[in-house]
N, C-alpha and C. Protein backbone atom coordinates (compact mmCIF):
# COMPACT_ATOMS: atom_id res chain seq x y z
N MET A 1 75.05 90.94 111.49
CA MET A 1 75.39 92.33 111.47
C MET A 1 75.88 92.81 112.97
N LYS A 2 76.53 92.89 113.61
CA LYS A 2 76.86 92.73 115.25
C LYS A 2 78.46 93.05 115.30
N MET A 3 78.24 94.00 116.05
CA MET A 3 79.64 94.67 116.46
C MET A 3 80.52 93.61 117.45
N GLY A 4 81.85 93.22 117.15
CA GLY A 4 82.36 92.86 117.68
C GLY A 4 82.65 91.65 117.02
N ALA A 5 82.02 90.58 116.09
CA ALA A 5 81.72 89.58 115.60
C ALA A 5 83.48 88.89 114.83
N GLU A 6 82.62 87.58 115.34
CA GLU A 6 84.54 86.62 115.05
C GLU A 6 84.51 86.90 113.62
N PRO A 7 86.03 86.94 112.89
CA PRO A 7 86.26 86.94 111.12
C PRO A 7 84.91 86.06 110.62
N LYS A 8 84.94 84.71 111.15
CA LYS A 8 84.33 83.54 110.37
C LYS A 8 83.11 84.06 110.37
N ASP A 9 82.49 85.01 111.25
CA ASP A 9 81.02 85.00 111.46
C ASP A 9 80.40 85.84 110.30
N ARG A 10 81.02 87.02 110.07
CA ARG A 10 81.25 87.90 109.40
C ARG A 10 81.27 87.99 107.93
N VAL A 11 79.59 88.09 107.37
CA VAL A 11 79.38 87.42 106.10
C VAL A 11 78.94 88.66 104.98
N TYR A 12 79.14 88.28 103.92
CA TYR A 12 79.57 89.68 102.85
C TYR A 12 77.58 89.50 102.35
N GLU A 13 77.34 90.30 102.79
CA GLU A 13 75.54 89.92 102.42
C GLU A 13 75.57 91.88 101.94
N ASP A 14 74.02 91.39 101.02
CA ASP A 14 72.96 93.22 101.35
C ASP A 14 72.90 93.57 102.19
N ILE A 15 72.63 95.24 102.84
CA ILE A 15 72.35 95.30 104.25
C ILE A 15 70.79 96.09 103.80
N LYS A 16 70.04 95.27 104.38
CA LYS A 16 68.66 95.66 104.90
C LYS A 16 68.17 96.43 105.82
N ASP A 17 68.69 96.45 106.81
CA ASP A 17 68.66 97.30 107.77
C ASP A 17 69.25 99.22 107.83
N ASN A 18 69.38 99.62 107.18
CA ASN A 18 70.38 101.20 107.73
C ASN A 18 70.41 101.34 108.74
N VAL A 19 69.39 101.41 109.33
CA VAL A 19 69.31 102.01 110.99
C VAL A 19 69.70 101.55 111.51
N LYS A 20 70.13 99.85 111.76
CA LYS A 20 71.01 99.12 112.33
C LYS A 20 72.32 99.50 111.92
N LEU A 21 72.46 99.10 110.66
CA LEU A 21 73.80 99.73 110.10
C LEU A 21 74.49 100.92 110.76
N VAL A 22 73.51 101.79 110.82
CA VAL A 22 74.24 103.50 111.59
C VAL A 22 74.73 103.26 112.97
N LYS A 23 73.50 102.38 113.77
CA LYS A 23 73.85 102.20 115.42
C LYS A 23 75.06 101.22 115.32
N VAL A 24 75.77 100.33 114.63
CA VAL A 24 76.60 99.81 114.82
C VAL A 24 77.92 100.14 114.26
N LEU A 25 77.15 101.29 113.52
CA LEU A 25 78.71 102.55 113.19
C LEU A 25 79.29 102.97 114.46
N ASN A 26 78.22 103.70 114.78
CA ASN A 26 78.55 104.57 115.77
C ASN A 26 78.78 104.06 116.97
N ASP A 27 78.42 102.60 117.26
CA ASP A 27 78.56 101.75 118.20
C ASP A 27 80.23 101.79 118.18
N TYR A 28 80.84 101.45 116.71
CA TYR A 28 82.61 101.29 116.49
C TYR A 28 83.29 102.68 116.62
N LEU A 29 82.55 103.72 116.60
CA LEU A 29 82.76 104.44 116.44
C LEU A 29 82.91 105.25 118.14
N ASP A 30 82.27 104.56 119.24
CA ASP A 30 82.58 104.66 120.34
C ASP A 30 83.84 103.88 120.71
N ASP A 31 83.57 103.24 120.04
CA ASP A 31 84.74 101.85 120.67
C ASP A 31 86.20 102.49 120.18
N TYR A 32 86.27 102.83 119.42
CA TYR A 32 87.66 103.73 118.85
C TYR A 32 87.69 105.02 119.55
N ASN A 33 86.61 105.78 119.66
CA ASN A 33 86.88 106.66 120.43
C ASN A 33 87.52 107.33 121.95
N MET A 34 87.22 105.50 122.51
CA MET A 34 87.52 105.02 123.65
C MET A 34 88.40 104.51 123.97
N SER A 35 89.20 103.97 122.79
CA SER A 35 90.86 103.13 123.10
C SER A 35 91.28 104.31 122.20
N CYS A 36 91.55 105.16 121.56
CA CYS A 36 92.48 106.12 120.74
C CYS A 36 92.68 107.49 121.68
N PRO A 37 93.59 107.88 121.44
CA PRO A 37 93.83 109.21 122.30
C PRO A 37 92.99 110.09 121.22
N LYS A 38 93.24 110.20 120.34
CA LYS A 38 92.75 111.64 119.20
C LYS A 38 91.53 111.12 118.84
N GLU A 39 90.24 111.36 119.23
CA GLU A 39 88.80 111.44 119.16
C GLU A 39 88.68 111.97 117.73
N MET A 40 87.88 111.01 116.95
CA MET A 40 87.42 111.07 115.55
C MET A 40 85.18 111.38 116.06
N LYS A 41 85.27 112.32 115.17
CA LYS A 41 83.33 113.22 115.53
C LYS A 41 83.22 112.86 113.97
N LEU A 42 82.53 111.38 113.75
CA LEU A 42 82.25 111.69 112.44
C LEU A 42 80.21 111.71 112.44
N VAL A 43 79.83 111.64 111.19
CA VAL A 43 78.02 112.06 110.81
C VAL A 43 77.87 110.99 110.02
N PHE A 44 77.40 110.17 110.32
CA PHE A 44 77.04 108.32 109.27
C PHE A 44 75.76 109.16 108.05
N PHE A 45 76.26 109.73 107.64
CA PHE A 45 75.45 109.96 106.32
C PHE A 45 75.40 108.89 105.29
N LEU A 46 74.39 108.70 104.25
CA LEU A 46 74.99 107.84 103.06
C LEU A 46 75.90 107.54 103.03
N ASP A 47 76.55 108.45 101.98
CA ASP A 47 77.90 108.36 101.30
C ASP A 47 78.93 107.36 102.51
N ALA A 48 78.74 108.05 103.50
CA ALA A 48 80.65 107.97 104.63
C ALA A 48 79.91 106.40 104.60
N ILE A 49 78.59 106.17 105.11
CA ILE A 49 78.37 105.07 105.37
C ILE A 49 78.99 103.40 104.02
N GLN A 50 78.75 104.45 102.76
CA GLN A 50 78.57 103.35 101.75
C GLN A 50 80.42 103.00 101.74
N HIS A 51 81.37 103.99 101.91
CA HIS A 51 82.55 104.19 101.33
C HIS A 51 83.01 103.73 102.99
N VAL A 52 83.27 103.29 103.78
CA VAL A 52 83.51 103.03 105.35
C VAL A 52 83.29 101.22 105.28
N SER A 53 81.84 100.69 104.24
CA SER A 53 81.57 99.47 104.13
C SER A 53 82.90 99.02 102.98
N ARG A 54 82.77 99.96 101.69
CA ARG A 54 83.48 99.79 100.64
C ARG A 54 85.04 99.11 101.38
N ILE A 55 85.61 100.37 102.23
CA ILE A 55 86.85 100.07 102.79
C ILE A 55 87.00 98.91 103.54
N ALA A 56 86.46 98.85 104.52
CA ALA A 56 86.29 97.92 105.55
C ALA A 56 86.42 96.15 104.95
N ARG A 57 85.44 95.69 103.47
CA ARG A 57 85.31 95.04 102.74
C ARG A 57 86.98 94.92 102.09
N MET A 58 87.68 95.98 101.50
CA MET A 58 89.15 96.04 100.60
C MET A 58 90.12 95.91 101.51
N VAL A 59 90.21 96.28 102.21
CA VAL A 59 91.24 95.63 103.59
C VAL A 59 90.90 94.00 104.03
N ARG A 60 89.91 93.74 104.34
CA ARG A 60 89.47 92.50 104.63
C ARG A 60 90.03 91.31 103.53
N GLN A 61 89.87 91.95 102.35
CA GLN A 61 90.18 90.65 101.31
C GLN A 61 91.66 90.42 101.17
N PRO A 62 91.45 89.05 101.01
CA PRO A 62 93.40 88.67 100.96
C PRO A 62 94.16 89.34 99.70
N ARG A 63 95.26 90.36 100.45
CA ARG A 63 96.56 91.02 100.21
C ARG A 63 95.22 92.15 99.26
N GLY A 64 94.40 92.90 99.77
CA GLY A 64 93.49 93.69 99.33
C GLY A 64 94.01 95.37 99.73
N ASN A 65 94.58 95.99 98.79
CA ASN A 65 94.62 97.60 98.99
C ASN A 65 93.73 98.33 98.57
N ALA A 66 93.65 99.80 98.53
CA ALA A 66 92.77 100.67 98.15
C ALA A 66 93.29 102.08 97.93
N LEU A 67 92.59 102.36 96.69
CA LEU A 67 93.23 103.90 96.26
C LEU A 67 91.91 104.55 96.48
N LEU A 68 91.79 105.55 97.25
CA LEU A 68 90.87 107.39 97.46
C LEU A 68 91.32 107.58 96.82
N VAL A 69 90.41 108.54 96.16
CA VAL A 69 90.60 109.96 95.90
C VAL A 69 89.48 110.65 96.21
N GLY A 70 89.88 111.65 96.14
CA GLY A 70 88.45 112.75 96.52
C GLY A 70 89.11 114.23 96.84
N VAL A 71 88.77 114.83 97.46
CA VAL A 71 88.74 116.14 97.99
C VAL A 71 89.35 116.14 99.08
N GLY A 72 90.53 117.24 99.25
CA GLY A 72 91.13 116.80 100.93
C GLY A 72 89.92 117.26 101.97
N GLY A 73 90.08 116.52 103.35
CA GLY A 73 89.50 116.96 103.99
C GLY A 73 88.10 116.42 104.11
N THR A 74 87.55 115.56 103.30
CA THR A 74 86.60 114.94 102.85
C THR A 74 86.50 113.35 103.71
N GLY A 75 86.92 112.94 104.56
CA GLY A 75 86.73 111.28 105.74
C GLY A 75 87.37 110.60 105.12
N LYS A 76 88.51 110.25 104.39
CA LYS A 76 89.45 109.86 103.86
C LYS A 76 90.02 108.80 104.67
N GLN A 77 90.89 109.50 105.47
CA GLN A 77 91.44 108.85 106.32
C GLN A 77 90.80 108.59 107.34
N SER A 78 89.85 109.13 108.12
CA SER A 78 88.62 108.86 109.10
C SER A 78 88.35 107.41 108.75
N LEU A 79 87.85 107.52 107.90
CA LEU A 79 86.86 106.16 107.62
C LEU A 79 87.75 105.20 107.29
N THR A 80 88.97 105.32 107.06
CA THR A 80 89.51 104.27 106.84
C THR A 80 90.02 104.11 108.15
N ARG A 81 90.81 104.40 109.17
CA ARG A 81 90.99 104.44 110.36
C ARG A 81 90.04 103.69 111.33
N LEU A 82 88.76 103.82 111.05
CA LEU A 82 87.68 103.16 111.33
C LEU A 82 87.59 101.57 111.42
N ALA A 83 87.67 101.51 109.54
CA ALA A 83 87.34 100.52 108.94
C ALA A 83 88.24 99.76 109.32
N CYS A 84 89.32 100.19 110.36
CA CYS A 84 90.70 98.94 110.23
C CYS A 84 90.15 99.00 111.40
N HIS A 85 89.34 99.75 112.34
CA HIS A 85 88.77 99.46 113.92
C HIS A 85 87.70 98.70 113.64
N MET A 86 87.45 98.54 112.75
CA MET A 86 86.38 97.40 112.84
C MET A 86 86.48 95.81 112.68
N ALA A 87 87.35 96.35 111.68
CA ALA A 87 88.29 94.51 111.19
C ALA A 87 89.05 94.42 111.94
N GLY A 88 89.69 95.29 113.40
CA GLY A 88 90.51 94.21 114.37
C GLY A 88 92.09 94.88 114.03
N TYR A 89 92.38 95.54 112.64
CA TYR A 89 93.25 95.87 112.42
C TYR A 89 94.23 96.83 112.97
N THR A 90 95.93 96.91 112.36
CA THR A 90 96.81 98.15 113.02
C THR A 90 96.74 99.15 112.24
N CYS A 91 96.35 100.33 112.26
CA CYS A 91 96.06 101.10 111.19
C CYS A 91 97.55 102.09 111.64
N ILE A 92 98.91 102.15 110.71
CA ILE A 92 100.02 102.76 110.56
C ILE A 92 99.99 103.79 110.24
N GLN A 93 100.44 104.92 110.42
CA GLN A 93 100.86 106.21 109.51
C GLN A 93 102.03 106.73 109.83
N ILE A 94 102.71 107.39 108.84
CA ILE A 94 104.04 107.67 108.95
C ILE A 94 103.64 109.43 109.20
N GLU A 95 104.68 109.68 110.63
CA GLU A 95 104.41 110.78 111.10
C GLU A 95 105.87 111.90 110.91
N LEU A 96 105.61 113.06 109.92
CA LEU A 96 106.47 113.69 108.99
C LEU A 96 106.77 114.48 110.03
N THR A 97 108.48 114.48 110.43
CA THR A 97 109.00 115.63 111.00
C THR A 97 109.80 116.53 110.26
N ARG A 98 110.29 117.45 110.53
CA ARG A 98 111.66 118.22 109.98
C ARG A 98 112.85 117.77 109.87
N GLY A 99 113.18 117.19 108.81
CA GLY A 99 114.68 116.28 108.15
C GLY A 99 113.77 114.82 107.98
N TYR A 100 112.73 114.27 108.43
CA TYR A 100 111.78 113.10 107.56
C TYR A 100 112.61 113.08 105.98
N ASN A 101 113.54 111.67 106.38
CA ASN A 101 113.58 111.77 104.93
C ASN A 101 113.48 110.17 103.93
N TYR A 102 114.60 109.32 102.68
CA TYR A 102 114.00 108.40 102.75
C TYR A 102 114.77 107.31 103.33
N ASP A 103 115.63 107.82 104.23
CA ASP A 103 116.13 106.45 105.13
C ASP A 103 115.09 106.61 106.65
N SER A 104 114.18 107.63 106.93
CA SER A 104 113.32 107.42 107.73
C SER A 104 112.25 106.70 107.28
N PHE A 105 111.93 107.41 105.83
CA PHE A 105 110.80 106.15 105.29
C PHE A 105 111.16 104.64 105.38
N HIS A 106 112.33 104.40 104.93
CA HIS A 106 112.37 102.98 105.50
C HIS A 106 112.42 102.19 106.99
N GLU A 107 113.01 103.65 107.85
CA GLU A 107 112.82 102.61 108.99
C GLU A 107 111.35 102.80 109.24
N ASP A 108 110.49 102.91 108.49
CA ASP A 108 109.03 103.33 109.01
C ASP A 108 108.71 101.98 108.49
N LEU A 109 109.44 101.41 107.16
CA LEU A 109 108.76 100.21 106.25
C LEU A 109 109.24 99.32 107.08
N LYS A 110 110.04 99.49 108.07
CA LYS A 110 111.16 98.20 108.72
C LYS A 110 109.93 97.89 109.86
N LEU A 111 109.36 98.62 110.28
CA LEU A 111 108.03 98.37 111.48
C LEU A 111 107.44 97.74 110.47
N LEU A 112 106.74 97.97 109.95
CA LEU A 112 105.73 97.84 108.75
C LEU A 112 106.18 95.91 108.00
N TYR A 113 107.22 96.08 108.30
CA TYR A 113 107.25 94.48 107.30
C TYR A 113 107.69 93.54 108.67
N GLU A 114 107.80 93.75 109.91
CA GLU A 114 108.12 93.24 111.07
C GLU A 114 107.08 92.66 111.60
N SER A 115 105.97 93.92 111.46
CA SER A 115 104.71 93.64 112.22
C SER A 115 103.77 92.89 111.26
N ALA A 116 103.64 92.81 110.08
CA ALA A 116 103.05 92.14 108.84
C ALA A 116 103.88 90.57 108.58
N GLY A 117 105.03 90.57 108.62
CA GLY A 117 105.78 89.72 107.97
C GLY A 117 106.51 88.71 108.90
N VAL A 118 106.80 89.04 110.17
CA VAL A 118 107.39 88.50 111.76
C VAL A 118 106.24 88.10 112.39
N GLU A 119 105.45 88.97 113.25
CA GLU A 119 104.37 88.83 114.16
C GLU A 119 103.13 88.36 113.15
N GLY A 120 103.15 89.00 112.08
CA GLY A 120 101.88 88.04 111.70
C GLY A 120 100.39 88.97 112.27
N ASN A 121 100.61 90.35 111.75
CA ASN A 121 99.68 91.14 112.79
C ASN A 121 99.10 91.73 111.00
N ASN A 122 97.80 91.71 111.14
CA ASN A 122 97.22 92.46 110.15
C ASN A 122 97.12 93.87 110.34
N THR A 123 97.57 94.85 109.04
CA THR A 123 98.41 95.56 109.40
C THR A 123 98.08 96.78 107.91
N VAL A 124 97.42 97.66 108.65
CA VAL A 124 97.25 98.62 107.10
C VAL A 124 98.03 99.83 107.05
N PHE A 125 98.71 100.34 105.81
CA PHE A 125 99.45 101.45 105.77
C PHE A 125 98.87 101.84 105.39
N LEU A 126 98.35 103.72 106.14
CA LEU A 126 97.79 104.83 105.32
C LEU A 126 98.74 105.14 105.15
N PHE A 127 98.59 105.73 103.68
CA PHE A 127 99.49 106.59 103.11
C PHE A 127 98.60 107.91 102.39
N THR A 128 98.90 109.26 102.68
CA THR A 128 98.08 110.88 101.69
C THR A 128 99.57 111.03 100.62
N ASP A 129 99.13 111.69 99.64
CA ASP A 129 99.80 112.88 98.95
C ASP A 129 100.73 113.51 99.58
N THR A 130 100.06 114.34 100.48
CA THR A 130 101.04 115.21 101.03
C THR A 130 101.84 114.44 102.07
N GLN A 131 102.45 113.18 102.17
CA GLN A 131 103.05 112.78 102.69
C GLN A 131 104.77 112.03 101.65
N ILE A 132 104.30 112.19 100.52
CA ILE A 132 105.24 112.03 99.56
C ILE A 132 106.21 113.12 99.75
N VAL A 133 107.65 112.78 100.16
CA VAL A 133 108.60 113.93 100.48
C VAL A 133 109.27 114.49 99.24
N VAL A 134 110.05 112.56 98.80
CA VAL A 134 110.37 112.44 97.27
C VAL A 134 109.36 111.30 97.27
N GLU A 135 110.14 111.44 95.53
CA GLU A 135 109.28 110.45 94.72
C GLU A 135 109.69 109.35 94.83
N GLU A 136 110.47 108.26 95.40
CA GLU A 136 111.37 107.44 95.62
C GLU A 136 110.56 106.76 96.56
N PHE A 137 109.70 107.09 98.04
CA PHE A 137 108.07 106.82 98.40
C PHE A 137 107.52 106.16 97.43
N LEU A 138 106.89 106.39 95.76
CA LEU A 138 106.22 106.20 95.73
C LEU A 138 106.54 104.46 94.98
N GLU A 139 108.08 104.85 94.80
CA GLU A 139 108.43 103.31 93.79
C GLU A 139 108.58 102.12 94.67
N ASP A 140 108.69 102.90 96.10
CA ASP A 140 108.69 101.41 97.29
C ASP A 140 107.12 101.27 97.37
N ILE A 141 106.73 101.75 97.21
CA ILE A 141 105.14 101.65 97.40
C ILE A 141 104.79 100.79 96.23
N ASN A 142 105.05 101.18 95.12
CA ASN A 142 104.95 100.24 94.18
C ASN A 142 105.33 99.17 93.82
N ASN A 143 106.78 99.12 94.69
CA ASN A 143 107.64 97.32 95.00
C ASN A 143 106.32 96.95 95.43
N ILE A 144 105.85 97.36 96.87
CA ILE A 144 105.03 96.94 97.88
C ILE A 144 103.64 96.24 97.59
N LEU A 145 103.37 97.04 96.31
CA LEU A 145 102.16 96.57 95.50
C LEU A 145 102.16 95.21 94.50
N ASN A 146 103.42 95.44 94.25
CA ASN A 146 103.83 94.36 93.16
C ASN A 146 103.98 93.21 93.21
N SER A 147 105.43 93.48 94.30
CA SER A 147 106.22 91.95 94.57
C SER A 147 106.11 91.86 96.41
N GLY A 148 106.06 92.46 96.69
CA GLY A 148 106.54 92.89 98.27
C GLY A 148 107.44 92.91 98.52
N GLU A 149 108.52 93.04 97.98
CA GLU A 149 110.37 93.30 97.94
C GLU A 149 110.36 94.91 97.83
N ILE A 150 110.85 95.12 98.30
CA ILE A 150 112.02 96.22 98.81
C ILE A 150 113.01 96.65 99.29
N SER A 151 114.29 96.27 97.50
CA SER A 151 115.33 96.01 97.91
C SER A 151 116.27 96.87 98.91
N ASN A 152 116.98 95.88 99.67
CA ASN A 152 118.15 96.18 100.49
C ASN A 152 117.72 97.57 101.67
N LEU A 153 116.00 96.53 101.97
CA LEU A 153 115.14 97.11 103.10
C LEU A 153 116.38 97.15 104.07
N PHE A 154 116.77 95.62 104.45
CA PHE A 154 117.34 95.05 105.66
C PHE A 154 119.10 95.22 105.48
N PRO A 155 119.57 95.93 106.44
CA PRO A 155 120.84 95.40 106.46
C PRO A 155 121.53 93.89 106.89
N PRO A 156 122.45 93.22 106.53
CA PRO A 156 123.00 92.22 106.64
C PRO A 156 122.03 91.66 108.01
N GLU A 157 122.90 92.28 109.15
CA GLU A 157 122.34 91.85 110.54
C GLU A 157 121.11 91.78 110.83
N GLU A 158 120.55 92.90 110.13
CA GLU A 158 118.85 92.81 110.42
C GLU A 158 118.16 92.52 109.75
N PHE A 159 118.46 91.48 108.60
CA PHE A 159 118.00 90.27 107.76
C PHE A 159 118.26 89.38 108.43
N GLU A 160 119.18 89.12 108.66
CA GLU A 160 119.88 87.38 109.52
C GLU A 160 118.71 87.45 110.76
N ALA A 161 118.46 88.77 111.30
CA ALA A 161 117.54 88.80 112.49
C ALA A 161 116.10 88.19 111.43
N VAL A 162 115.58 88.73 110.86
CA VAL A 162 114.46 88.48 110.49
C VAL A 162 113.89 87.18 110.07
N ILE A 163 115.56 86.06 109.23
CA ILE A 163 115.47 85.42 108.87
C ILE A 163 115.20 84.46 110.57
N ASN A 164 115.89 84.65 111.38
CA ASN A 164 115.58 83.30 112.57
C ASN A 164 114.35 83.97 113.35
N ALA A 165 113.92 84.88 113.37
CA ALA A 165 112.33 85.18 113.58
C ALA A 165 111.55 84.41 113.23
N VAL A 166 111.70 84.49 111.45
CA VAL A 166 110.57 83.74 110.14
C VAL A 166 110.74 82.38 110.11
N ARG A 167 111.94 81.70 111.05
CA ARG A 167 112.49 80.34 110.55
C ARG A 167 111.39 79.62 110.74
N PRO A 168 110.84 79.47 112.24
CA PRO A 168 109.79 78.56 112.94
C PRO A 168 108.58 78.98 112.13
N LYS A 169 108.05 79.95 112.00
CA LYS A 169 106.52 79.75 111.22
C LYS A 169 106.66 79.16 109.71
N ALA A 170 107.84 79.80 108.71
CA ALA A 170 107.97 79.01 107.35
C ALA A 170 108.34 77.36 108.02
N LYS A 171 108.99 77.13 109.26
CA LYS A 171 108.87 75.08 109.46
C LYS A 171 107.79 74.93 109.82
N GLU A 172 106.79 75.53 109.77
CA GLU A 172 105.21 75.01 110.34
C GLU A 172 104.88 75.00 108.87
N ALA A 173 105.51 75.84 107.70
CA ALA A 173 104.61 76.26 106.55
C ALA A 173 105.23 74.75 105.65
N GLY A 174 105.97 73.97 106.07
CA GLY A 174 106.58 73.11 105.28
C GLY A 174 108.07 73.65 104.57
N VAL A 175 108.44 74.65 105.35
CA VAL A 175 109.76 74.96 104.65
C VAL A 175 111.37 74.17 105.64
N SER A 176 112.58 74.22 104.90
CA SER A 176 112.91 73.70 105.30
C SER A 176 113.92 74.56 106.13
N GLU A 177 114.62 74.20 107.42
CA GLU A 177 115.05 75.26 108.59
C GLU A 177 116.62 75.95 107.86
N SER A 178 117.23 74.89 106.73
CA SER A 178 118.40 75.52 106.21
C SER A 178 118.45 75.88 104.79
N ASP A 179 116.97 76.14 104.57
CA ASP A 179 116.67 76.47 103.23
C ASP A 179 116.21 78.23 103.19
N ARG A 180 117.30 79.51 103.31
CA ARG A 180 117.22 80.63 103.37
C ARG A 180 116.45 81.36 102.90
N ASP A 181 116.23 80.75 101.32
CA ASP A 181 115.80 81.50 100.29
C ASP A 181 114.10 81.24 100.87
N GLY A 182 113.99 79.91 101.08
CA GLY A 182 113.00 79.88 101.39
C GLY A 182 111.98 80.23 102.02
N ILE A 183 112.79 79.95 103.17
CA ILE A 183 112.08 81.15 104.67
C ILE A 183 111.59 82.32 104.43
N TYR A 184 112.92 83.35 103.81
CA TYR A 184 112.51 84.68 103.05
C TYR A 184 111.28 84.93 102.21
N ASP A 185 111.56 83.84 101.09
CA ASP A 185 109.68 83.54 100.42
C ASP A 185 108.89 83.61 101.15
N HIS A 186 109.03 82.83 102.15
CA HIS A 186 107.77 82.47 103.37
C HIS A 186 107.51 83.87 103.55
N PHE A 187 108.61 84.76 104.38
CA PHE A 187 108.49 85.69 105.25
C PHE A 187 107.82 87.32 104.05
N ILE A 188 108.38 86.91 102.37
CA ILE A 188 107.22 87.87 101.98
C ILE A 188 106.04 87.98 101.63
N SER A 189 105.70 86.68 101.55
CA SER A 189 104.30 86.19 101.48
C SER A 189 103.15 86.67 102.63
N ARG A 190 104.24 86.12 103.65
CA ARG A 190 103.76 86.92 105.36
C ARG A 190 103.03 88.23 104.89
N VAL A 191 104.00 89.08 104.36
CA VAL A 191 104.12 90.29 104.51
C VAL A 191 103.01 90.68 103.70
N ARG A 192 102.85 90.14 102.49
CA ARG A 192 101.97 90.26 101.08
C ARG A 192 100.51 90.08 101.69
N ASP A 193 100.53 88.76 102.56
CA ASP A 193 99.24 88.73 103.10
C ASP A 193 98.40 89.51 104.15
N ASN A 194 99.16 90.43 104.92
CA ASN A 194 98.84 90.94 106.23
C ASN A 194 99.01 92.05 106.25
N LEU A 195 99.80 92.66 104.76
CA LEU A 195 99.96 94.12 104.91
C LEU A 195 99.00 95.01 103.59
N HIS A 196 98.22 95.81 103.90
CA HIS A 196 97.02 96.51 103.16
C HIS A 196 98.02 97.66 103.11
N ILE A 197 97.70 98.08 101.96
CA ILE A 197 97.91 99.46 101.66
C ILE A 197 96.97 100.05 101.20
N VAL A 198 96.50 101.44 102.00
CA VAL A 198 95.45 102.50 101.31
C VAL A 198 96.11 103.86 101.08
N LEU A 199 96.15 103.95 100.15
CA LEU A 199 96.58 105.41 99.54
C LEU A 199 95.22 106.45 99.84
N CYS A 200 95.66 107.72 100.06
CA CYS A 200 94.63 108.38 99.97
C CYS A 200 95.11 110.05 98.77
N MET A 201 94.76 110.26 97.67
CA MET A 201 94.95 110.94 97.11
C MET A 201 93.55 111.70 97.13
N SER A 202 93.87 113.38 96.79
CA SER A 202 93.16 114.59 96.60
C SER A 202 93.97 114.91 95.12
């Protein structure tokens, strides 16, 4: 248990020394605050320690996702951001503005898919119940969780760009360069492997 350990050196085991754990969490928090413009101030009491440990474990699981339920303002989003920082994952949230609609949501989802599926980055999508502008948002999230696919997310020209960008990675995985369906399936598989959704509900 040490800050900055390589993923292969991170062992899932019982924590015997809570004092050391709090020190490691505070070190990660200090590192987060130095690298992010918006400072977080957290107190690591027992429940907070247990919750951030659970979130960190869930998002690091293959195709791991999480549903966090609790009263608003209890730290669900803050602990998720810290857990992502601890894992070295990118945490992305949509930014609601006047006029934000379903098309805006799809544009944000495209960025998530490109990060996770094309670039292969471990990415966490943090989404709260206050961001549900239209119910179709939940339908898309349900599709991501079930199959990884969102129908008509990419228009033809953008779809072609995605296929071309993923083709080298698909070839490394044994997919024929001429097999467009196979390349797309590989892209969706990469999205499902690298994109983790954390839903915060109150």
